[in-house]
N, C-alpha and C. Protein backbone atom coordinates (compact mmCIF):
# COMPACT_ATOMS: atom_id res chain seq x y z
N TRP A 1 0.80 -1.20 0.00
CA TRP A 1 0.00 0.00 0.00
C TRP A 1 0.84 1.25 0.00
N PHE A 2 2.18 1.13 0.16
CA PHE A 2 3.08 2.27 0.05
C PHE A 2 3.52 2.44 -1.38
N SER A 3 3.66 3.68 -1.78
CA SER A 3 4.22 3.92 -3.11
C SER A 3 5.74 3.86 -3.01
N THR A 4 6.40 3.97 -4.13
CA THR A 4 7.86 3.87 -4.15
C THR A 4 8.51 4.99 -3.35
N ASN A 5 7.98 6.20 -3.45
CA ASN A 5 8.54 7.33 -2.72
C ASN A 5 8.43 7.14 -1.21
N HIS A 6 7.31 6.61 -0.75
CA HIS A 6 7.14 6.37 0.68
C HIS A 6 8.13 5.34 1.19
N LYS A 7 8.39 4.30 0.40
CA LYS A 7 9.34 3.27 0.82
C LYS A 7 10.74 3.84 0.97
N VAL A 8 11.12 4.68 0.05
CA VAL A 8 12.46 5.30 0.12
C VAL A 8 12.58 6.16 1.36
N ILE A 9 11.57 6.92 1.68
CA ILE A 9 11.60 7.80 2.85
C ILE A 9 11.66 6.98 4.13
N ILE A 10 10.87 5.90 4.21
CA ILE A 10 10.86 5.06 5.41
C ILE A 10 12.21 4.39 5.60
N ILE A 11 12.80 3.88 4.53
CA ILE A 11 14.11 3.24 4.63
C ILE A 11 15.16 4.26 5.07
N TYR A 12 15.08 5.46 4.53
CA TYR A 12 16.04 6.50 4.90
C TYR A 12 15.89 6.87 6.37
N LEU A 13 14.67 7.01 6.84
CA LEU A 13 14.45 7.37 8.23
C LEU A 13 14.92 6.26 9.17
N CYS A 14 14.72 5.03 8.80
CA CYS A 14 15.15 3.91 9.64
C CYS A 14 16.67 3.80 9.67
N SER A 15 17.33 4.08 8.56
CA SER A 15 18.78 3.96 8.53
C SER A 15 19.45 5.12 9.26
N ASN A 16 18.81 6.28 9.35
CA ASN A 16 19.39 7.44 10.01
C ASN A 16 18.71 7.73 11.35
N ARG A 17 18.35 6.72 12.08
CA ARG A 17 17.65 6.90 13.34
C ARG A 17 18.51 7.66 14.36
N LYS A 18 19.82 7.39 14.35
CA LYS A 18 20.72 8.05 15.31
C LYS A 18 20.77 9.56 15.05
N THR A 19 20.83 9.94 13.79
CA THR A 19 20.89 11.35 13.43
C THR A 19 19.61 12.07 13.83
N ILE A 20 18.48 11.45 13.59
CA ILE A 20 17.19 12.08 13.89
C ILE A 20 17.02 12.23 15.39
N SER A 21 17.41 11.21 16.17
CA SER A 21 17.25 11.31 17.62
C SER A 21 18.17 12.38 18.20
N SER A 22 19.37 12.54 17.63
CA SER A 22 20.27 13.57 18.14
C SER A 22 19.75 14.96 17.76
N LEU A 23 19.11 15.09 16.59
CA LEU A 23 18.55 16.37 16.21
C LEU A 23 17.36 16.74 17.09
N ALA A 24 16.60 15.75 17.50
CA ALA A 24 15.42 16.02 18.31
C ALA A 24 15.80 16.45 19.72
N THR A 25 16.91 15.93 20.24
CA THR A 25 17.29 16.26 21.62
C THR A 25 18.19 17.48 21.71
N MET A 26 18.73 17.96 20.62
CA MET A 26 19.65 19.08 20.66
C MET A 26 18.91 20.39 20.94
N SER A 27 19.47 21.19 21.80
CA SER A 27 18.85 22.47 22.10
C SER A 27 19.23 23.49 21.04
N GLY A 28 18.69 24.68 21.16
CA GLY A 28 18.95 25.72 20.19
C GLY A 28 20.37 26.25 20.23
N LYS A 29 21.05 26.14 21.36
CA LYS A 29 22.40 26.68 21.50
C LYS A 29 23.47 25.73 20.99
N GLY A 30 23.14 24.49 20.71
CA GLY A 30 24.14 23.54 20.26
C GLY A 30 24.72 22.80 21.44
N LYS A 31 25.98 22.47 21.36
CA LYS A 31 26.60 21.69 22.42
C LYS A 31 26.86 22.56 23.64
N GLY A 32 26.58 22.05 24.80
CA GLY A 32 26.75 22.82 26.03
C GLY A 32 28.11 22.57 26.66
N GLY A 33 28.31 23.15 27.82
CA GLY A 33 29.55 22.92 28.56
C GLY A 33 30.73 23.72 28.06
N ARG A 34 30.46 24.84 27.45
CA ARG A 34 31.58 25.63 26.95
C ARG A 34 32.30 26.36 28.07
N GLY A 35 31.62 26.69 29.13
CA GLY A 35 32.26 27.38 30.23
C GLY A 35 32.39 28.87 29.97
N GLU A 36 33.10 29.51 30.85
CA GLU A 36 33.29 30.96 30.70
C GLU A 36 34.41 31.26 29.73
N LYS A 37 34.32 32.44 29.14
CA LYS A 37 35.36 32.86 28.21
C LYS A 37 36.58 33.33 28.99
N LYS A 38 37.75 33.02 28.48
CA LYS A 38 38.99 33.46 29.11
C LYS A 38 39.18 34.95 28.83
N SER A 39 39.53 35.71 29.87
CA SER A 39 39.70 37.15 29.70
C SER A 39 40.99 37.45 28.94
N THR A 40 40.95 38.47 28.11
CA THR A 40 42.11 38.87 27.31
C THR A 40 42.75 40.10 27.93
N THR A 41 44.05 40.05 28.13
CA THR A 41 44.76 41.17 28.73
C THR A 41 44.92 42.29 27.71
N SER A 42 45.14 43.49 28.21
CA SER A 42 45.36 44.62 27.31
C SER A 42 46.69 44.49 26.58
N SER A 43 47.65 43.80 27.19
CA SER A 43 48.92 43.55 26.50
C SER A 43 48.71 42.63 25.29
N ALA A 44 47.88 41.61 25.47
CA ALA A 44 47.61 40.69 24.36
C ALA A 44 46.83 41.39 23.25
N LYS A 45 45.91 42.28 23.63
CA LYS A 45 45.14 43.02 22.62
C LYS A 45 46.06 43.91 21.80
N ALA A 46 47.07 44.50 22.47
CA ALA A 46 48.00 45.39 21.77
C ALA A 46 49.13 44.62 21.10
N GLY A 47 49.24 43.33 21.38
CA GLY A 47 50.31 42.53 20.79
C GLY A 47 51.66 42.81 21.43
N LEU A 48 51.66 43.09 22.72
CA LEU A 48 52.89 43.44 23.44
C LEU A 48 53.21 42.39 24.49
N GLN A 49 54.46 42.37 24.92
CA GLN A 49 54.89 41.49 25.99
C GLN A 49 54.91 42.22 27.33
N PHE A 50 55.16 43.51 27.29
CA PHE A 50 55.21 44.29 28.53
C PHE A 50 53.81 44.44 29.11
N PRO A 51 53.69 44.50 30.44
CA PRO A 51 52.37 44.57 31.07
C PRO A 51 51.74 45.96 30.97
N VAL A 52 50.76 46.10 30.10
CA VAL A 52 50.11 47.39 29.88
C VAL A 52 49.33 47.80 31.13
N GLY A 53 48.64 46.87 31.75
CA GLY A 53 47.86 47.19 32.94
C GLY A 53 48.70 47.66 34.10
N ARG A 54 49.84 47.03 34.29
CA ARG A 54 50.73 47.42 35.39
C ARG A 54 51.33 48.80 35.15
N ILE A 55 51.70 49.08 33.91
CA ILE A 55 52.25 50.39 33.59
C ILE A 55 51.19 51.46 33.78
N GLY A 56 49.95 51.17 33.39
CA GLY A 56 48.86 52.12 33.61
C GLY A 56 48.61 52.36 35.08
N ARG A 57 48.71 51.31 35.87
CA ARG A 57 48.53 51.47 37.32
C ARG A 57 49.63 52.33 37.91
N TYR A 58 50.85 52.12 37.48
CA TYR A 58 51.97 52.94 37.98
C TYR A 58 51.82 54.40 37.56
N LEU A 59 51.32 54.63 36.35
CA LEU A 59 51.10 56.00 35.90
C LEU A 59 50.03 56.69 36.73
N ARG A 60 48.97 55.97 37.08
CA ARG A 60 47.91 56.56 37.91
C ARG A 60 48.39 56.81 39.33
N GLN A 61 49.10 55.84 39.91
CA GLN A 61 49.55 55.99 41.29
C GLN A 61 50.69 56.99 41.44
N GLY A 62 51.42 57.23 40.36
CA GLY A 62 52.55 58.14 40.43
C GLY A 62 52.16 59.60 40.40
N LYS A 63 50.89 59.90 40.14
CA LYS A 63 50.38 61.28 40.09
C LYS A 63 51.16 62.13 39.09
N TYR A 64 51.47 61.55 37.93
CA TYR A 64 52.19 62.30 36.91
C TYR A 64 51.27 63.30 36.22
N ALA A 65 49.97 63.01 36.19
CA ALA A 65 49.00 63.92 35.59
C ALA A 65 47.65 63.68 36.25
N THR A 66 46.80 64.69 36.18
CA THR A 66 45.48 64.53 36.77
C THR A 66 44.60 63.61 35.93
N ARG A 67 44.84 63.62 34.64
CA ARG A 67 44.07 62.76 33.73
C ARG A 67 45.02 61.97 32.85
N MET A 68 44.58 60.77 32.44
CA MET A 68 45.42 59.92 31.61
C MET A 68 44.53 59.22 30.58
N GLY A 69 44.93 59.24 29.34
CA GLY A 69 44.16 58.58 28.29
C GLY A 69 44.34 57.08 28.32
N ALA A 70 43.44 56.37 27.64
CA ALA A 70 43.49 54.91 27.62
C ALA A 70 44.68 54.38 26.81
N GLY A 71 45.15 55.17 25.85
CA GLY A 71 46.26 54.72 25.01
C GLY A 71 47.62 55.02 25.58
N ALA A 72 47.68 55.78 26.66
CA ALA A 72 48.99 56.16 27.22
C ALA A 72 49.78 54.97 27.73
N PRO A 73 49.20 54.07 28.53
CA PRO A 73 50.01 52.93 28.98
C PRO A 73 50.36 51.97 27.84
N VAL A 74 49.54 51.89 26.82
CA VAL A 74 49.85 51.04 25.67
C VAL A 74 51.04 51.59 24.92
N TYR A 75 51.03 52.90 24.71
CA TYR A 75 52.14 53.54 24.00
C TYR A 75 53.43 53.42 24.79
N LEU A 76 53.37 53.67 26.10
CA LEU A 76 54.56 53.59 26.93
C LEU A 76 55.11 52.18 27.01
N ALA A 77 54.23 51.18 27.08
CA ALA A 77 54.68 49.79 27.08
C ALA A 77 55.35 49.42 25.77
N ALA A 78 54.82 49.95 24.66
CA ALA A 78 55.43 49.65 23.35
C ALA A 78 56.80 50.30 23.24
N VAL A 79 56.94 51.52 23.77
CA VAL A 79 58.24 52.21 23.72
C VAL A 79 59.24 51.47 24.58
N LEU A 80 58.84 51.05 25.78
CA LEU A 80 59.76 50.37 26.67
C LEU A 80 60.15 48.99 26.12
N GLU A 81 59.21 48.37 25.44
CA GLU A 81 59.50 47.05 24.88
C GLU A 81 60.49 47.16 23.73
């Protein structure tokens, strides 16, 4: 009572049962357990080896200026490197 097309579909579904069951149980986000993202240092963002954050901290604590731009410790670390 099945036509040829129905037989092909049923055989395909039976042979790929594992794939269909995994698709049915998968959530929208995909595979879980990724964990938290590792934080990236400002030195790594700038492609430097010298510690940009530490140099910025020393510049702030040294009271060299009342205000300091975000690029100042990056530039100074690159010069020192």
